[in-house]
Each structure stands twice: as C-alpha cells, then as structure tokens.
C-alpha cells in the first residue's frame, strides 16, 4: 500500500483539482483501506482496490460539499475549481493541457487519468469505476478527442 501512495495522491489530485483536497482524499482513502483491509481479496489488484475507495470517497465528499454549497452558497468554495497558482516553470502548453483536463466531465477525466496517467489497464480502470471495459474505452476516447479539440481551438469543452 505504501508503494502506491504517490500514484494514489496523483489520482486524488486529478479528481479534486486541488493539492490540499487531494492530500486529504488520499489520507482518508488509506485510513478507510486500513480499516477494511480484511475485505481486500488476496490475488486482486491493490491499486484498483485503493482507487475504488478513493473514487467512492471523492463522490461521497462531492455530494456533501454540494449540499453545503446549497445551504451556504455565499461561503462555500467550489471543489471543482482549479487552483489559480501555476508554477513559474510550466509552459503554456502544460497549463492549457491541465486546464483542458480539468474541464472534462468527472467521468471522462477519471477514465483518462486512470488509463493515461496512472497506467491502469482498461480492465482495471473499469473495475475502479464500476463500469464495463467498453465504457472505459469510450470515455478515454471521448476525453482525448475533447482535449485535442480544446487544444486546437482554446474554446470551452462541451459537457
């Protein structure tokens, strides 16, 4: 589990869009995994199991935050807003790509990150997301197409 922490944090960063929230999500994921370690099936992918926990926790937290925003709309922060600070050494292309990825719908972004960034197989990513392999392949393809279109035109993506 320890060896997967950097990858888990990276996945959490793509889910949340914010470093601090990603750290919190990764920490809570590990805590939940340790508490439920007896539920881990030996011989299966620890990475897929952790990512599933992180994904479910992210959506649970997102729903909670949405309810909080509804109640306290003047004070609540949007968790899906990307951080405004960008490192001085990053190129415009990298910033554009980061912005493009953050504009993807959560399901497309999740599929792209799992397969493209986290180097999971389509089967592993489908397991994490709880969908069929064909659905993951379609989401990754749609995500790539939308990013290419965004990079070519610079226009906001369609949901």
Protein backbone atom coordinates (compact mmCIF):
# COMPACT_ATOMS: atom_id res chain seq x y z
CA UNK A 1 0.00 0.00 0.00
CA UNK A 2 2.86 2.34 0.86
CA UNK A 3 4.38 2.00 -2.62
CA UNK A 4 1.09 3.11 -4.19
CA UNK A 5 0.78 6.35 -2.19
CA UNK A 6 2.36 8.66 -4.81
CA UNK A 7 0.10 7.26 -7.54
CA UNK A 8 -2.92 7.43 -5.24
CA UNK A 9 -2.18 11.06 -4.45
CA UNK A 10 -1.83 11.80 -8.17
CA UNK A 11 -5.20 10.21 -8.86
CA UNK A 12 -6.72 12.17 -5.99
CA UNK A 13 -5.21 15.38 -7.43
CA UNK A 14 -6.91 14.80 -10.75
CA UNK A 15 -10.20 14.03 -9.04
CA UNK A 16 -10.20 17.08 -6.78
CA UNK A 17 -8.28 19.62 -8.83
CA UNK A 18 -6.62 20.94 -5.66
CA UNK A 19 -3.48 19.75 -3.91
CA UNK A 20 -4.80 20.18 -0.37
CA UNK A 21 -8.03 18.34 -1.11
CA UNK A 22 -6.03 15.62 -2.87
CA UNK A 23 -3.87 15.11 0.22
CA UNK A 24 -6.98 14.87 2.39
CA UNK A 25 -8.61 12.43 -0.02
CA UNK A 26 -5.51 10.22 -0.20
CA UNK A 27 -5.18 10.21 3.59
CA UNK A 28 -8.82 9.33 4.12
CA UNK A 29 -8.56 6.62 1.46
CA UNK A 30 -5.65 4.99 3.27
CA UNK A 31 -7.47 5.19 6.59
CA UNK A 32 -10.54 3.53 5.12
CA UNK A 33 -8.43 0.91 3.38
CA UNK A 34 -6.62 0.03 6.58
CA UNK A 35 -9.90 -0.18 8.46
CA UNK A 36 -11.29 -2.50 5.78
CA UNK A 37 -8.15 -4.48 4.99
CA UNK A 38 -9.95 -7.72 5.81
CA UNK A 39 -12.26 -7.02 2.83
CA UNK A 40 -9.38 -6.93 0.35
CA UNK A 41 -9.44 -10.09 -1.77
CA UNK A 42 -5.99 -11.65 -1.99
CA UNK A 43 -4.78 -12.03 -5.55
CA UNK A 44 -6.61 -8.94 -6.79
CA UNK A 45 -5.16 -5.53 -7.60
CA UNK A 46 -4.40 -3.45 -4.51
CA UNK A 47 -4.12 -0.42 -6.80
CA UNK A 48 -7.61 -0.93 -8.22
CA UNK A 49 -8.99 -1.51 -4.73
CA UNK A 50 -7.45 1.72 -3.38
CA UNK A 51 -8.58 3.71 -6.41
CA UNK A 52 -12.11 2.41 -5.98
CA UNK A 53 -12.11 3.53 -2.36
CA UNK A 54 -10.72 6.95 -3.38
CA UNK A 55 -13.27 7.34 -6.16
CA UNK A 56 -16.22 6.41 -3.95
CA UNK A 57 -14.96 8.69 -1.19
CA UNK A 58 -14.49 11.54 -3.66
CA UNK A 59 -18.07 11.26 -4.90
CA UNK A 60 -19.35 10.98 -1.34
CA UNK A 61 -17.44 14.14 -0.38
CA UNK A 62 -18.58 15.91 -3.55
CA UNK A 63 -22.22 15.24 -2.71
CA UNK A 64 -21.67 16.51 0.82
CA UNK A 65 -19.98 19.66 -0.46
CA UNK A 66 -22.78 20.25 -2.96
CA UNK A 67 -25.32 20.14 -0.15
CA UNK A 68 -23.16 22.52 1.88
CA UNK A 69 -22.94 24.92 -1.07
CA UNK A 70 -26.70 24.88 -1.40
CA UNK A 71 -27.10 25.79 2.24
CA UNK A 72 -24.23 28.28 2.47
CA UNK A 73 -23.71 29.37 -1.11
CA UNK A 74 -22.04 32.64 -0.12
CA UNK A 75 -19.31 30.95 1.89
CA UNK A 76 -18.72 27.55 0.33
CA UNK A 77 -15.83 27.04 -2.07
CA UNK A 78 -16.24 25.16 -5.32
CA UNK A 79 -14.10 21.97 -5.07
CA UNK A 80 -14.08 21.60 -8.85
CA UNK A 81 -12.38 24.96 -9.46
CA UNK A 82 -8.72 24.54 -10.41
CA UNK A 83 -6.08 26.27 -8.35
CA UNK A 84 -5.17 29.68 -9.67
CA UNK A 85 -1.45 29.42 -8.98
CA UNK A 86 0.66 27.83 -11.68
CA UNK A 87 4.35 27.14 -11.29
CA UNK A 88 6.68 29.60 -12.98
CA UNK A 89 8.47 26.88 -14.94
CA UNK A 90 5.37 25.41 -16.55
CA UNK A 91 4.87 26.05 -20.22
CA UNK A 92 1.71 27.48 -21.73
CA UNK A 93 1.01 24.11 -23.35
CA UNK A 94 1.18 22.35 -20.00
CA UNK A 95 -1.14 24.92 -18.43
CA UNK A 96 -3.52 24.52 -21.37
CA UNK A 97 -3.45 20.74 -21.01
CA UNK A 98 -4.06 20.99 -17.28
CA UNK A 99 -6.97 23.35 -17.93
CA UNK A 100 -8.32 21.04 -20.62
CA UNK A 101 -8.20 18.02 -18.31
CA UNK A 102 -9.95 19.93 -15.53
CA UNK A 103 -12.71 20.96 -17.97
CA UNK A 104 -13.57 17.36 -18.80
CA UNK A 105 -16.64 15.92 -17.13
CA UNK A 106 -15.70 13.95 -13.99
CA UNK A 107 -16.37 10.59 -15.62
CA UNK A 108 -14.22 11.39 -18.69
CA UNK A 109 -11.44 12.92 -16.57
CA UNK A 110 -11.46 9.91 -14.27
CA UNK A 111 -11.19 7.42 -17.15
CA UNK A 112 -8.41 9.39 -18.84
CA UNK A 113 -6.40 9.73 -15.65
CA UNK A 114 -6.75 6.08 -14.71
CA UNK A 115 -5.66 4.82 -18.14
CA UNK A 116 -3.41 7.60 -19.39
CA UNK A 117 -1.74 8.89 -16.25
CA UNK A 118 -1.98 6.05 -13.76
CA UNK A 119 -1.22 3.50 -16.48
CA UNK A 120 -4.02 1.15 -15.47
CA UNK A 121 -5.33 -1.33 -17.98
CA UNK A 122 -8.83 -0.77 -19.32
CA UNK A 123 -9.93 -3.76 -17.24
CA UNK A 124 -8.50 -2.29 -14.02
CA UNK A 125 -10.00 1.13 -14.75
CA UNK A 126 -13.38 -0.44 -15.47
CA UNK A 127 -13.18 -2.24 -12.13
CA UNK A 128 -12.38 1.00 -10.30
CA UNK A 129 -15.24 2.86 -11.98
CA UNK A 130 -17.72 0.01 -11.75
CA UNK A 131 -18.46 0.03 -15.49
CA UNK A 132 -17.77 -2.23 -18.46
CA UNK A 133 -14.45 -2.19 -20.28
CA UNK A 134 -16.11 -0.81 -23.43
CA UNK A 135 -17.47 2.12 -21.44
CA UNK A 136 -13.97 2.98 -20.19
CA UNK A 137 -12.58 2.75 -23.72
CA UNK A 138 -15.31 5.08 -24.99
CA UNK A 139 -14.73 7.56 -22.16
CA UNK A 140 -10.99 7.65 -22.76
CA UNK A 141 -11.55 8.15 -26.48
CA UNK A 142 -14.07 10.95 -25.87
CA UNK A 143 -11.76 12.61 -23.35
CA UNK A 144 -8.83 12.54 -25.77
CA UNK A 145 -10.98 13.95 -28.58
CA UNK A 146 -12.28 16.77 -26.39
CA UNK A 147 -8.78 17.66 -25.21
CA UNK A 148 -7.45 17.72 -28.78
CA UNK A 149 -10.35 19.94 -29.85
CA UNK A 150 -9.78 22.25 -26.88
CA UNK A 151 -6.04 22.48 -27.53
CA UNK A 152 -6.70 23.30 -31.20
CA UNK A 153 -9.37 25.94 -30.58
CA UNK A 154 -8.96 27.04 -26.96
CA UNK A 155 -12.72 27.03 -26.55
CA UNK A 156 -14.53 25.65 -23.54
CA UNK A 157 -15.50 21.99 -23.88
CA UNK A 158 -18.99 20.66 -24.12
CA UNK A 159 -20.18 18.62 -21.12
